[in-house]
Protein backbone atom coordinates (compact mmCIF):
# COMPACT_ATOMS: atom_id res chain seq x y z
CA MET A 1 0.00 0.00 0.00
CA SER A 2 1.54 3.32 -1.09
CA PHE A 3 1.08 6.57 0.82
CA LEU A 4 0.89 10.19 -0.28
CA PHE A 5 1.50 12.78 2.43
CA ALA A 6 0.69 16.47 2.10
CA ASP A 7 1.14 19.42 4.45
CA MET A 8 -1.14 22.18 3.17
CA GLY A 9 -0.39 25.56 4.70
CA GLY A 10 -1.34 29.10 3.86
CA THR A 11 1.66 29.76 1.61
CA ASN A 12 3.19 26.39 0.75
CA VAL A 13 2.07 22.84 0.18
CA ARG A 14 4.61 20.11 0.90
CA PHE A 15 4.36 16.63 -0.57
CA GLY A 16 6.04 13.35 0.24
CA TYR A 17 5.55 9.69 -0.63
CA SER A 18 6.29 6.32 0.94
CA LYS A 19 5.87 2.78 -0.33
CA THR A 20 4.70 1.46 3.06
CA LYS A 21 3.36 3.15 6.18
CA ASN A 22 6.70 2.75 7.98
CA SER A 23 9.22 3.33 5.18
CA SER A 24 11.12 6.60 4.76
CA ILE A 25 9.33 9.50 3.11
CA ILE A 26 10.77 10.18 -0.35
CA PHE A 27 10.18 12.58 -3.27
CA LYS A 28 9.78 15.57 -0.94
CA GLU A 29 8.63 18.69 -2.77
CA ILE A 30 7.45 22.19 -1.84
CA TYR A 31 4.99 24.02 -4.12
CA LYS A 32 3.53 27.50 -3.78
CA VAL A 33 -0.21 27.37 -3.11
CA ILE A 34 -0.79 30.47 -5.21
CA ASP A 35 0.46 28.62 -8.33
CA PHE A 36 -2.48 26.17 -8.32
CA PRO A 37 -6.21 26.89 -8.67
CA THR A 38 -7.08 23.80 -6.60
CA ILE A 39 -5.39 21.29 -4.34
CA GLU A 40 -6.28 18.58 -6.88
CA ASP A 41 -4.15 20.38 -9.50
CA ALA A 42 -1.15 20.41 -7.18
CA ILE A 43 -1.54 16.74 -6.25
CA LYS A 44 -1.90 15.63 -9.85
CA LEU A 45 1.25 17.51 -10.88
CA TYR A 46 3.22 15.93 -8.03
CA CYS A 47 1.95 12.42 -8.82
CA SER A 48 2.64 12.91 -12.52
CA ASN A 49 6.20 14.10 -11.88
CA TYR A 50 7.01 10.91 -9.97
CA SER A 51 4.68 8.49 -11.80
CA ILE A 52 2.90 7.44 -8.61
CA SER A 53 -0.67 6.36 -7.87
CA PRO A 54 -1.10 6.46 -4.09
CA GLN A 55 -3.67 4.19 -2.49
CA THR A 56 -3.74 6.10 0.78
CA LEU A 57 -3.80 9.85 1.36
CA SER A 58 -2.74 11.34 4.69
CA PHE A 59 -3.02 15.11 4.70
CA CYS A 60 -2.78 17.93 7.20
CA VAL A 61 -4.45 21.24 6.48
CA ALA A 62 -4.56 24.73 7.98
CA ALA A 63 -8.28 24.49 8.67
CA PRO A 64 -10.82 22.57 10.75
CA THR A 65 -11.16 19.01 9.41
CA ASN A 66 -14.25 17.62 11.15
CA LYS A 67 -16.48 17.97 8.05
CA ASN A 68 -16.28 16.55 4.53
CA SER A 69 -15.91 20.05 3.07
CA ILE A 70 -12.73 21.87 4.03
CA ILE A 71 -12.31 25.61 3.60
CA PHE A 72 -8.72 26.68 4.10
CA THR A 73 -8.15 29.49 6.59
CA ASN A 74 -5.25 31.31 4.91
CA ASN A 75 -5.42 30.42 1.21
CA HIS A 76 -7.93 30.23 -1.64
CA TRP A 77 -8.38 26.44 -1.71
CA THR A 78 -11.42 24.41 -0.75
CA MET A 79 -11.87 20.67 -1.04
CA LYS A 80 -14.24 17.81 -0.36
CA LYS A 81 -12.57 14.73 1.02
CA ASP A 82 -14.83 12.20 -0.71
CA MET A 83 -14.55 13.88 -4.11
CA LEU A 84 -10.76 14.13 -3.85
CA LEU A 85 -10.55 10.44 -2.95
CA ASP A 86 -12.61 9.53 -6.01
CA ALA A 87 -10.71 11.87 -8.33
CA LEU A 88 -7.37 10.32 -7.39
CA GLY A 89 -8.63 6.73 -7.39
CA SER A 90 -7.37 6.16 -3.87
CA LYS A 91 -8.88 3.92 -1.18
CA ASN A 92 -8.30 5.79 2.08
CA ILE A 93 -8.01 9.39 3.18
CA LEU A 94 -7.04 10.84 6.55
CA CYS A 95 -7.26 14.57 6.96
CA ILE A 96 -6.12 16.28 10.17
CA ASN A 97 -5.34 19.78 11.37
CA ASP A 98 -1.86 20.96 10.42
CA PHE A 99 -0.81 21.46 14.02
CA THR A 100 -2.02 18.04 14.99
CA ALA A 101 0.54 16.81 12.46
CA GLN A 102 3.18 19.24 13.75
CA ALA A 103 2.63 17.91 17.25
CA LEU A 104 2.72 14.24 16.22
CA SER A 105 5.98 14.78 14.35
CA GLN A 106 7.64 15.61 17.69
CA THR A 107 6.68 12.35 19.40
CA PRO A 108 9.88 10.39 18.58
CA TYR A 109 11.82 12.94 20.66
CA PHE A 110 9.65 12.41 23.72
CA LYS A 111 8.93 8.69 23.88
CA SER A 112 10.20 6.90 27.01
CA GLY A 113 11.79 10.05 28.39
CA SER A 114 14.11 10.53 25.41
CA ASP A 115 13.56 14.32 25.70
CA LYS A 116 16.45 14.28 28.18
CA LYS A 117 18.77 13.80 25.17
CA ILE A 118 17.55 16.83 23.20
CA PRO A 119 20.56 19.14 22.63
CA ASP A 120 20.82 22.75 23.69
CA LEU A 121 20.04 25.49 21.15
CA THR A 122 23.63 26.74 21.33
CA THR A 123 25.19 23.41 20.28
CA SER A 124 26.22 22.51 16.74
CA SER A 125 23.99 19.42 16.74
CA THR A 126 22.08 18.71 13.52
CA SER A 127 18.98 17.68 15.49
CA PHE A 128 15.72 19.15 14.18
CA ILE A 129 14.71 20.02 17.74
CA LYS A 130 16.78 21.86 20.33
CA LYS A 131 16.26 23.09 23.86
CA PHE A 132 15.81 26.86 24.29
CA SER A 133 15.41 26.80 28.07
CA ASP A 134 15.98 24.10 30.65
CA GLY A 135 13.71 23.11 33.50
CA SER A 136 12.41 20.18 35.52
CA PRO A 137 9.72 18.66 33.32
CA ASP A 138 6.80 16.75 34.79
CA GLN A 139 6.96 13.55 32.72
CA ALA A 140 3.31 12.77 33.54
CA SER A 141 2.04 16.02 32.00
CA PRO A 142 1.18 16.98 28.39
CA ILE A 143 3.38 18.95 25.98
CA PHE A 144 2.12 22.18 24.45
CA VAL A 145 2.94 22.88 20.78
CA ILE A 146 2.58 26.30 19.15
CA GLY A 147 4.01 27.92 16.05
CA PRO A 148 3.67 31.03 13.90
CA GLY A 149 3.90 30.73 10.15
CA THR A 150 1.49 32.15 7.61
CA GLY A 151 -1.01 31.73 10.44
CA LEU A 152 -0.72 30.52 14.03
CA GLY A 153 -1.35 26.95 15.10
CA ALA A 154 -1.42 25.13 18.42
CA SER A 155 -1.91 21.62 19.70
CA THR A 156 -1.28 19.56 22.82
CA LEU A 157 0.38 16.16 23.08
CA VAL A 158 -1.07 13.90 25.78
CA CYS A 159 0.88 10.73 26.58
CA ILE A 160 -1.36 7.69 27.11
CA ASP A 161 0.37 4.33 27.63
CA ASP A 162 3.48 5.54 25.76
CA THR A 163 1.34 6.63 22.80
CA PHE A 164 0.61 10.27 22.16
CA LYS A 165 -2.79 11.72 21.46
CA ALA A 166 -2.58 15.10 19.72
CA LEU A 167 -5.54 17.36 20.38
CA GLN A 168 -7.01 18.94 17.26
CA ALA A 169 -7.57 22.61 18.02
CA GLU A 170 -7.66 26.12 16.55
CA GLY A 171 -5.50 27.93 19.09
CA GLY A 172 -4.52 30.71 16.70
CA HIS A 173 -8.08 31.97 16.69
CA THR A 174 -8.32 32.71 20.40
CA HIS A 175 -8.46 36.42 21.27
CA PHE A 176 -5.22 38.37 21.52
CA SER A 177 -4.28 39.12 25.16
CA PRO A 178 -2.21 42.33 25.56
CA THR A 179 0.04 42.56 28.61
CA SER A 180 1.78 45.90 28.08
CA GLU A 181 0.88 49.43 27.07
CA ILE A 182 2.20 49.04 23.53
CA GLU A 183 0.31 45.76 23.07
CA LEU A 184 -2.88 47.42 24.33
CA GLU A 185 -2.40 50.26 21.84
CA LEU A 186 -1.77 47.67 19.12
CA LEU A 187 -5.02 45.89 20.06
CA ILE A 188 -7.04 49.12 19.86
CA TRP A 189 -5.46 49.98 16.48
CA LEU A 190 -6.15 46.49 15.11
CA GLN A 191 -9.75 46.50 16.38
CA LYS A 192 -10.45 49.58 14.31
CA LYS A 193 -8.94 47.84 11.30
CA LEU A 194 -10.15 44.25 11.75
CA GLY A 195 -12.87 44.13 14.39
CA PRO A 196 -12.24 41.22 16.80
CA VAL A 197 -8.48 40.58 17.05
CA SER A 198 -7.26 36.99 17.19
CA THR A 199 -3.88 35.88 18.50
CA GLU A 200 -3.02 34.98 14.90
CA ASN A 201 -3.46 38.65 13.90
CA VAL A 202 -0.36 39.40 15.99
CA ILE A 203 1.68 36.19 16.07
CA SER A 204 2.16 35.11 12.44
CA GLY A 205 3.57 36.41 9.17
CA SER A 206 0.57 38.66 8.66
CA GLY A 207 0.74 39.51 12.36
CA LEU A 208 4.32 40.73 12.00
CA GLU A 209 3.18 42.89 9.09
CA ASN A 210 0.32 44.27 11.23
CA ILE A 211 2.76 45.16 14.01
CA TYR A 212 5.15 46.84 11.60
CA GLN A 213 2.34 48.90 10.10
CA PHE A 214 1.16 49.90 13.58
CA LEU A 215 4.65 50.98 14.66
CA SER A 216 5.10 52.91 11.40
CA TYR A 217 1.83 54.72 12.06
CA GLN A 218 2.68 55.34 15.72
CA GLN A 219 6.13 56.72 14.91
CA SER A 220 4.90 58.77 11.91
CA LYS A 221 7.16 56.75 9.60
CA PRO A 222 6.43 56.21 5.91
CA ASP A 223 3.59 53.74 5.28
CA GLY A 224 4.81 50.25 6.16
CA SER A 225 1.96 48.38 4.48
CA LYS A 226 4.07 47.37 1.48
CA ILE A 227 6.76 45.56 3.49
CA ARG A 228 6.18 41.82 3.77
CA ALA A 229 6.99 39.66 6.77
CA GLU A 230 10.04 37.99 5.23
CA ARG A 231 11.59 41.39 4.52
CA ILE A 232 10.81 42.61 8.04
CA GLY A 233 12.57 39.55 9.46
CA THR A 234 15.61 40.09 7.23
CA LEU A 235 15.86 43.74 8.25
CA ALA A 236 15.49 42.81 11.92
CA LEU A 237 18.40 40.37 11.66
CA LYS A 238 20.45 43.23 10.20
CA GLY A 239 19.56 45.47 13.14
CA ASP A 240 16.98 47.78 11.56
CA PRO A 241 15.36 49.45 14.63
CA LEU A 242 11.73 49.48 13.44
CA SER A 243 11.85 45.90 12.14
CA LEU A 244 13.57 44.69 15.29
CA GLU A 245 10.93 46.37 17.46
CA ALA A 246 8.19 44.69 15.43
CA VAL A 247 9.83 41.29 15.88
CA ASN A 248 10.23 41.90 19.62
CA VAL A 249 6.56 42.80 20.02
CA MET A 250 5.57 39.61 18.19
CA MET A 251 7.96 37.44 20.23
CA GLY A 252 6.73 38.97 23.47
CA ALA A 253 3.15 38.14 22.47
CA LEU A 254 4.30 34.61 21.60
CA GLY A 255 5.73 34.27 25.12
CA THR A 256 2.37 35.21 26.58
CA ALA A 257 0.45 32.87 24.27
CA THR A 258 2.81 30.00 25.09
CA ALA A 259 2.41 30.56 28.83
CA ASN A 260 -1.38 30.72 28.43
CA GLY A 261 -1.32 27.46 26.49
CA VAL A 262 0.88 25.71 29.05
CA LEU A 263 -1.30 26.79 31.96
CA THR A 264 -4.59 26.08 30.18
CA THR A 265 -3.60 22.54 29.14
CA GLY A 266 -1.37 21.69 32.12
CA SER A 267 1.56 21.10 29.79
CA PHE A 268 4.27 21.03 32.43
CA ARG A 269 6.40 18.54 30.51
CA GLY A 270 7.38 21.18 27.97
CA ALA A 271 6.45 23.62 25.23
CA ILE A 272 7.57 23.28 21.62
CA ILE A 273 7.82 26.29 19.31
CA CYS A 274 7.65 25.37 15.64
CA GLY A 275 6.27 26.88 12.44
CA GLY A 276 8.12 28.75 9.72
CA ILE A 277 9.01 32.01 11.46
CA ILE A 278 10.82 31.39 14.75
CA PRO A 279 13.52 29.03 13.38
CA LYS A 280 14.49 31.78 10.90
CA LEU A 281 14.66 34.37 13.68
CA SER A 282 16.09 32.13 16.40
CA LYS A 283 19.16 34.39 16.77
CA LEU A 284 16.83 37.14 18.02
CA LEU A 285 14.75 34.97 20.33
CA SER A 286 17.03 34.95 23.39
CA LYS A 287 17.37 38.76 23.35
CA SER A 288 13.66 39.32 22.79
CA PRO A 289 10.95 39.67 25.49
CA PHE A 290 9.77 36.11 24.72
CA TYR A 291 11.02 34.35 27.86
CA LYS A 292 10.35 37.30 30.16
CA LYS A 293 6.74 37.35 28.93
CA PHE A 294 6.54 33.57 29.28
CA ILE A 295 7.26 33.71 33.03
CA TYR A 296 6.40 37.32 33.97
CA ASN A 297 2.72 37.44 33.13
CA LYS A 298 1.71 34.95 35.78
CA PRO A 299 3.46 36.23 38.97
CA SER A 300 1.90 33.54 41.14
CA TYR A 301 3.13 30.83 38.77
CA SER A 302 6.50 32.20 37.63
CA ASN A 303 8.41 29.45 39.45
CA LEU A 304 6.15 26.80 37.96
CA LEU A 305 6.67 28.14 34.44
CA ARG A 306 10.44 28.29 34.95
CA GLN A 307 10.34 24.52 35.38
CA VAL A 308 8.78 24.03 31.93
CA PRO A 309 11.45 23.38 29.24
CA ILE A 310 10.98 25.19 25.94
CA TYR A 311 12.09 23.60 22.68
CA ILE A 312 12.52 24.99 19.16
CA SER A 313 11.70 22.71 16.21
CA ASN A 314 13.09 23.62 12.78
CA ASP A 315 12.19 20.64 10.59
CA PRO A 316 10.78 21.94 7.27
CA PHE A 317 9.05 18.61 6.63
CA SER A 318 7.68 17.99 10.12
CA GLY A 319 4.11 18.20 8.78
CA LEU A 320 4.74 15.28 6.42
CA LYS A 321 6.30 13.23 9.22
CA GLY A 322 3.28 14.06 11.37
CA CYS A 323 0.95 12.83 8.62
CA GLN A 324 2.84 9.54 8.56
CA GLN A 325 2.65 9.30 12.35
CA ALA A 326 -1.06 10.13 12.20
CA PHE A 327 -1.98 7.18 10.00
CA GLN A 328 -0.40 4.85 12.56
CA ASN A 329 -1.86 6.62 15.59
CA LYS A 330 -4.60 4.60 17.30
CA PHE A 331 -6.44 7.74 18.39
CA LEU A 332 -6.94 8.84 14.77
CA LYS A 333 -8.21 5.58 13.26
CA SER A 334 -11.78 6.87 13.46
CA GLU A 335 -10.77 9.85 11.27
CA ILE A 336 -9.82 7.63 8.30
CA ASN A 337 -12.52 7.99 5.62
CA ARG A 338 -14.57 10.15 7.97
CA PHE A 339 -16.62 12.43 5.76
CA SER A 340 -19.27 13.85 8.15
CA TYR A 341 -21.33 15.31 5.35
CA ASP A 342 -22.32 18.96 5.82
């Protein structure tokens, strides 16, 4: 039985293929979502390029997946699981949230206490996951996973009999929680522009652009609406003051959101930061307000939060690995060929 894996984000779609459910993922490719009218077009090009006819599809998407129809949150695609299965002539389809897959991809690092071997961020190790801050993890507790990319995703890993259940959630769409004067001013400015302000409106690629535009407006600088997130990040790494301030505001908000997630889910075993943005800006993370916000905002629980290790994951194909893990995960068997017609 052959397997096609796809990680469908707001900007990119990543594909991979394996001949069995346990064999290595091969033929890894990254396509731009904007280049394809539909997800079916992208899949057919990939399959044609490698002359493959997958029998099983295991996908993760940046959208809720509990219904047959899927409307993507941050791109123009829509799809119906049953129609896609028929169009490709495949037998099985599993479709999960993208951060469920991100979370599941981390499980090999945490099985049987192997998280003790994760290297420090400052080492030259080639590991895809590294430790940002140390602590005294509670091995009986869950692990919180969060990550800004085109949008913001979150999940929680719960260990049950040495198998992990990843909670499917939409954590990026909780309301933004300001904890400083500048964040409160940002919230008011964004409310006038957007209405209700989600955490994703601040902690993501588009969130970084929102912050930059706000700071440009506040400081009477030329209009910053034309500068994209990637450029802001590049300028911040070069020391540009306005770009660096925007990055710091976003990272401070990420610290707050991570602490909120840890406390809400009881994830005292650790927190994993993944997604496309933070690995690229990891050199700025330790000097940013991220960790101060992570422990400062809950004075009564600062000591508790200091005991929670924080990890940074930088695997560009973690979503595909999570899709492979998902098809083998006993807690997701009921999701295979689940169409739940609208």
